[in-house]
Protein backbone atom coordinates (compact mmCIF):
# COMPACT_ATOMS: atom_id res chain seq x y z
CA MET A 1 -63.14 48.74 -112.64
CA THR A 2 -63.37 48.18 -108.75
CA ASP A 3 -66.69 50.20 -108.97
CA ALA A 4 -68.21 48.66 -111.65
CA ILE A 5 -68.06 45.37 -109.88
CA ILE A 6 -69.09 46.39 -106.89
CA ALA A 7 -72.19 47.68 -108.65
CA LEU A 8 -73.00 44.26 -110.56
CA ILE A 9 -72.80 42.42 -107.06
CA SER A 10 -75.19 44.89 -105.45
CA LEU A 11 -77.53 44.75 -108.66
CA ILE A 12 -77.20 40.76 -108.50
CA ALA A 13 -78.61 41.41 -104.83
CA LEU A 14 -80.91 43.57 -105.31
CA GLU A 15 -82.32 41.76 -108.27
CA VAL A 16 -82.49 38.16 -106.63
CA ILE A 17 -84.55 39.68 -104.18
CA LEU A 18 -86.59 41.31 -105.85
CA GLY A 19 -87.00 38.12 -108.09
CA ILE A 20 -88.12 36.15 -105.23
CA ASP A 21 -91.76 37.30 -106.18
CA ASN A 22 -91.48 36.07 -109.20
CA ILE A 23 -90.22 32.50 -108.67
CA ILE A 24 -93.24 31.98 -105.88
CA PHE A 25 -95.53 33.05 -108.56
CA ILE A 26 -94.27 29.99 -111.08
CA SER A 27 -93.58 27.48 -108.28
CA ILE A 28 -97.20 28.49 -107.40
CA LEU A 29 -99.06 28.06 -110.43
CA SER A 30 -96.70 25.30 -111.32
CA ASP A 31 -98.06 23.30 -108.57
CA ARG A 32 -101.79 23.53 -111.28
CA LEU A 33 -99.92 21.14 -114.07
CA PRO A 34 -98.86 17.63 -114.24
CA ASP A 35 -95.38 16.58 -112.50
CA HIS A 36 -94.21 16.29 -116.14
CA GLN A 37 -94.80 19.90 -117.19
CA ARG A 38 -93.81 21.60 -113.34
CA ASN A 39 -89.65 21.84 -114.50
CA LYS A 40 -90.94 22.83 -118.00
CA LEU A 41 -92.83 25.77 -116.97
CA ARG A 42 -90.12 27.07 -114.46
CA LEU A 43 -87.31 27.00 -117.48
CA TRP A 44 -90.03 28.84 -119.30
CA GLY A 45 -91.27 31.39 -117.37
CA LEU A 46 -87.94 32.22 -115.99
CA GLY A 47 -86.21 31.82 -119.12
CA LEU A 48 -88.38 34.68 -121.05
CA ALA A 49 -88.15 36.61 -117.89
CA MET A 50 -84.37 36.92 -119.31
CA VAL A 51 -85.31 37.21 -122.42
CA MET A 52 -87.90 40.00 -121.88
CA ARG A 53 -85.71 42.10 -119.40
CA LEU A 54 -82.73 41.76 -121.65
CA VAL A 55 -84.79 43.31 -124.89
CA LEU A 56 -86.14 45.75 -122.84
CA LEU A 57 -82.36 46.91 -122.10
CA ALA A 58 -81.83 46.79 -125.45
CA PHE A 59 -84.91 50.01 -125.55
CA ILE A 60 -83.98 51.29 -122.51
CA SER A 61 -84.12 54.98 -123.59
CA TRP A 62 -88.09 53.91 -124.15
CA ILE A 63 -87.97 52.13 -121.35
CA LEU A 64 -87.14 55.72 -119.13
CA ARG A 65 -89.79 57.70 -120.86
CA LEU A 66 -92.49 55.25 -119.57
CA ASP A 67 -91.45 56.77 -116.29
CA LYS A 68 -93.29 60.35 -117.20
CA THR A 69 -96.27 61.20 -116.48
CA LEU A 70 -98.82 60.94 -118.92
CA PHE A 71 -101.99 62.55 -117.19
CA THR A 72 -102.74 63.35 -113.80
CA ILE A 73 -106.34 62.78 -111.96
CA ALA A 74 -106.97 63.40 -108.39
CA ASP A 75 -103.46 65.51 -108.24
CA ILE A 76 -101.74 62.17 -108.39
CA PRO A 77 -99.69 61.57 -111.77
CA PHE A 78 -99.95 58.47 -114.30
CA SER A 79 -96.88 57.42 -116.17
CA GLY A 80 -96.55 54.34 -118.01
CA LYS A 81 -94.75 52.71 -115.43
CA GLY A 82 -97.45 53.21 -113.06
CA ILE A 83 -100.46 51.86 -115.47
CA ILE A 84 -98.28 48.45 -115.75
CA LEU A 85 -97.26 48.23 -112.17
CA LEU A 86 -101.39 49.06 -111.09
CA LEU A 87 -102.57 46.32 -113.75
CA GLY A 88 -100.02 44.11 -112.65
CA GLY A 89 -100.71 44.78 -108.62
CA LEU A 90 -104.06 44.10 -109.27
CA PHE A 91 -103.17 41.13 -111.49
CA LEU A 92 -101.27 39.56 -108.66
CA ILE A 93 -103.91 40.27 -106.08
CA TRP A 94 -107.25 38.98 -108.20
CA LYS A 95 -104.80 35.78 -108.39
CA SER A 96 -103.27 35.45 -105.02
CA THR A 97 -106.89 35.42 -103.97
CA LYS A 98 -108.44 33.47 -106.38
CA GLU A 99 -105.51 30.35 -105.34
CA ILE A 100 -105.95 30.83 -101.59
CA TYR A 101 -109.68 30.15 -102.00
CA HIS A 102 -108.73 26.93 -104.39
CA LYS A 103 -106.01 25.70 -101.14
CA THR A 104 -109.03 26.03 -98.91
CA GLU A 105 -112.83 26.38 -99.97
CA MET A 106 -112.72 24.24 -102.98
CA ALA A 107 -109.96 21.73 -100.66
CA ASN A 108 -113.90 20.90 -99.23
CA ALA A 109 -114.80 20.26 -102.28
CA GLY A 110 -113.94 16.64 -102.75
CA PRO A 111 -111.30 16.02 -104.91
CA ALA A 112 -112.96 16.65 -108.29
CA ALA A 113 -112.77 20.11 -108.12
CA THR A 114 -109.22 19.88 -106.51
CA SER A 115 -107.62 17.53 -109.27
CA LYS A 116 -108.59 19.56 -112.16
CA LYS A 117 -105.17 20.52 -114.08
CA ALA A 118 -105.06 23.74 -115.76
CA SER A 119 -103.54 23.78 -119.23
CA PHE A 120 -99.63 24.90 -119.70
CA GLY A 121 -100.29 27.59 -122.49
CA LYS A 122 -102.82 29.63 -119.31
CA ILE A 123 -100.43 29.66 -116.76
CA LEU A 124 -97.79 30.08 -119.37
CA SER A 125 -99.64 33.40 -120.48
CA GLU A 126 -100.08 34.17 -117.13
CA VAL A 127 -96.59 33.83 -115.96
CA ILE A 128 -95.31 36.00 -118.77
CA LEU A 129 -98.15 38.96 -117.80
CA LEU A 130 -96.21 38.91 -114.57
CA ASP A 131 -92.84 38.65 -115.86
CA LEU A 132 -93.52 41.75 -117.97
CA VAL A 133 -94.51 43.77 -115.07
CA PHE A 134 -91.44 42.93 -112.71
CA SER A 135 -89.09 43.33 -115.42
CA VAL A 136 -90.03 47.40 -116.29
CA ASP A 137 -89.84 47.56 -112.55
CA SER A 138 -86.80 45.77 -112.30
CA ILE A 139 -85.05 47.57 -115.28
CA ILE A 140 -85.88 50.93 -113.95
CA THR A 141 -84.30 50.01 -110.63
CA ALA A 142 -81.34 48.86 -112.45
CA VAL A 143 -81.42 52.14 -114.40
CA GLY A 144 -81.66 54.11 -111.16
CA MET A 145 -77.95 52.16 -110.02
CA VAL A 146 -75.76 52.08 -112.20
CA GLN A 147 -74.97 53.64 -115.83
CA GLU A 148 -72.91 50.72 -117.90
CA LEU A 149 -74.84 48.51 -119.93
CA TRP A 150 -72.95 45.88 -119.54
CA VAL A 151 -73.70 45.55 -115.60
CA MET A 152 -76.96 45.34 -116.25
CA TYR A 153 -76.99 42.46 -118.85
CA THR A 154 -74.75 40.93 -116.80
CA ALA A 155 -76.67 40.92 -113.59
CA VAL A 156 -79.75 40.26 -115.48
CA ILE A 157 -78.71 37.11 -117.37
CA VAL A 158 -76.43 36.14 -113.36
CA THR A 159 -79.64 36.93 -111.33
CA VAL A 160 -82.03 34.40 -114.01
CA ILE A 161 -79.30 32.01 -113.21
CA ILE A 162 -79.56 31.52 -109.34
CA MET A 163 -83.27 32.26 -110.20
CA LEU A 164 -83.66 28.78 -112.26
CA ILE A 165 -81.18 26.71 -109.18
CA ALA A 166 -83.01 28.25 -106.42
CA SER A 167 -86.55 27.82 -107.83
CA ALA A 168 -86.25 23.53 -107.98
CA PRO A 169 -86.16 23.73 -104.53
CA ILE A 170 -88.54 26.79 -103.25
CA SER A 171 -90.96 25.22 -105.37
CA ALA A 172 -90.48 21.35 -103.34
CA PHE A 173 -90.89 22.89 -100.32
CA ILE A 174 -93.91 25.08 -100.75
CA ARG A 175 -95.65 22.30 -102.17
CA LYS A 176 -94.70 20.26 -99.04
CA HIS A 177 -95.56 22.51 -96.54
CA PRO A 178 -99.70 23.89 -97.72
CA SER A 179 -99.52 26.28 -94.95
CA PHE A 180 -95.95 27.69 -96.40
CA LYS A 181 -97.92 28.03 -99.76
CA ILE A 182 -100.36 30.01 -98.28
CA LEU A 183 -98.21 32.19 -96.72
CA ALA A 184 -96.81 32.73 -99.96
CA LEU A 185 -100.02 33.49 -101.87
CA CYS A 186 -100.31 36.28 -98.88
CA PHE A 187 -96.88 37.35 -99.47
CA LEU A 188 -97.52 37.81 -103.39
CA MET A 189 -101.31 39.75 -102.18
CA MET A 190 -98.73 42.18 -100.41
CA ILE A 191 -96.83 42.54 -103.43
CA GLY A 192 -99.67 43.31 -105.54
CA VAL A 193 -100.63 46.55 -103.12
CA SER A 194 -96.98 47.28 -102.89
CA LEU A 195 -97.18 47.35 -106.42
CA ILE A 196 -100.83 49.36 -107.21
CA ALA A 197 -99.39 52.09 -104.13
CA GLU A 198 -96.01 52.26 -106.12
CA GLY A 199 -98.24 52.90 -109.74
CA LEU A 200 -100.43 55.75 -107.57
CA ARG A 201 -96.90 57.40 -106.68
CA PHE A 202 -97.18 56.19 -102.59
CA HIS A 203 -93.93 54.41 -102.02
CA ILE A 204 -93.39 51.24 -99.60
CA PRO A 205 -89.92 50.76 -99.11
CA LYS A 206 -89.90 46.70 -99.95
CA GLY A 207 -87.89 45.92 -96.91
CA TYR A 208 -90.80 46.83 -94.62
CA ILE A 209 -92.98 43.99 -97.41
CA TYR A 210 -89.51 41.35 -96.37
CA PHE A 211 -89.25 41.82 -93.44
CA SER A 212 -92.79 41.35 -92.27
CA MET A 213 -92.82 38.10 -94.64
CA GLY A 214 -89.47 36.76 -93.35
CA PHE A 215 -91.02 37.30 -89.50
CA ALA A 216 -94.00 35.49 -90.61
CA PHE A 217 -91.88 32.79 -92.18
CA LEU A 218 -90.02 32.20 -88.75
CA VAL A 219 -92.53 31.76 -87.14
CA ASP A 220 -94.15 29.21 -89.01
CA VAL A 221 -91.00 27.50 -89.15
CA ILE A 222 -90.86 27.69 -85.58
CA GLN A 223 -94.49 26.43 -85.06
CA MET A 224 -93.60 23.69 -87.62
CA LYS A 225 -90.62 22.54 -85.85
CA ILE A 226 -92.59 22.52 -82.25
CA LEU A 227 -95.58 20.18 -83.56
CA THR A 228 -93.77 18.41 -85.98
CA PRO A 229 -92.04 15.72 -82.41
CA LYS A 230 -95.24 16.47 -80.61
CA THR A 231 -97.24 14.97 -83.40
CA LYS A 232 -94.34 11.63 -83.60
CA THR A 233 -95.11 11.37 -79.53
CA GLU A 234 -98.92 11.15 -80.23
CA ASP A 235 -98.90 8.26 -83.00
CA THR A 236 -96.28 6.48 -80.71
CA PRO A 237 -98.43 3.38 -79.31
CA THR A 238 -98.21 3.03 -75.68
């Protein structure tokens, strides 16, 4: 029983770390919606992520078959999981690039260009697509760590609850600080590259990605702390 508890805690910790991608993606997309729909998108997006993972666990034998080679091109084996990761990575890079363009270049096009709100259904469909990619990757990772199904089910439910609690403050922080929004989008682009590489059977340790983004986040925080007092001083009348 002790081994199962340790495995559960380890799996929850790993799933929470992997779930940061999902939270950031939903947080950035929710910014395109009216205020009253943002919480709704987070609840639907993370709730559907939990449902998808629980359903995939029910078909765990089929999920494991996704990791088997379907065909080979230029000595690179492609599996069902690999194709899903490739498509998900390409979509994530495309979406992140589009959002960066919207936050930078379109900001100079005037209020009419930047105030346009996307429809809830369209953004939710994009969230569902990424939920599927992250869910397949998450479940296969979980299967590689533990064998007991109850541990996997418990880890998924606890992880999504933690993500729901964390999503609101993360969204508010990203919305308040535009520089961190661009940093978060760059983080998603890196995750997209990582998904493509993994789909091509070239493994990039996620620790490298999270460390580099954590370092960039720390630099941004230090810069913000240094510049804020200076701005206040400059604004003080003499």
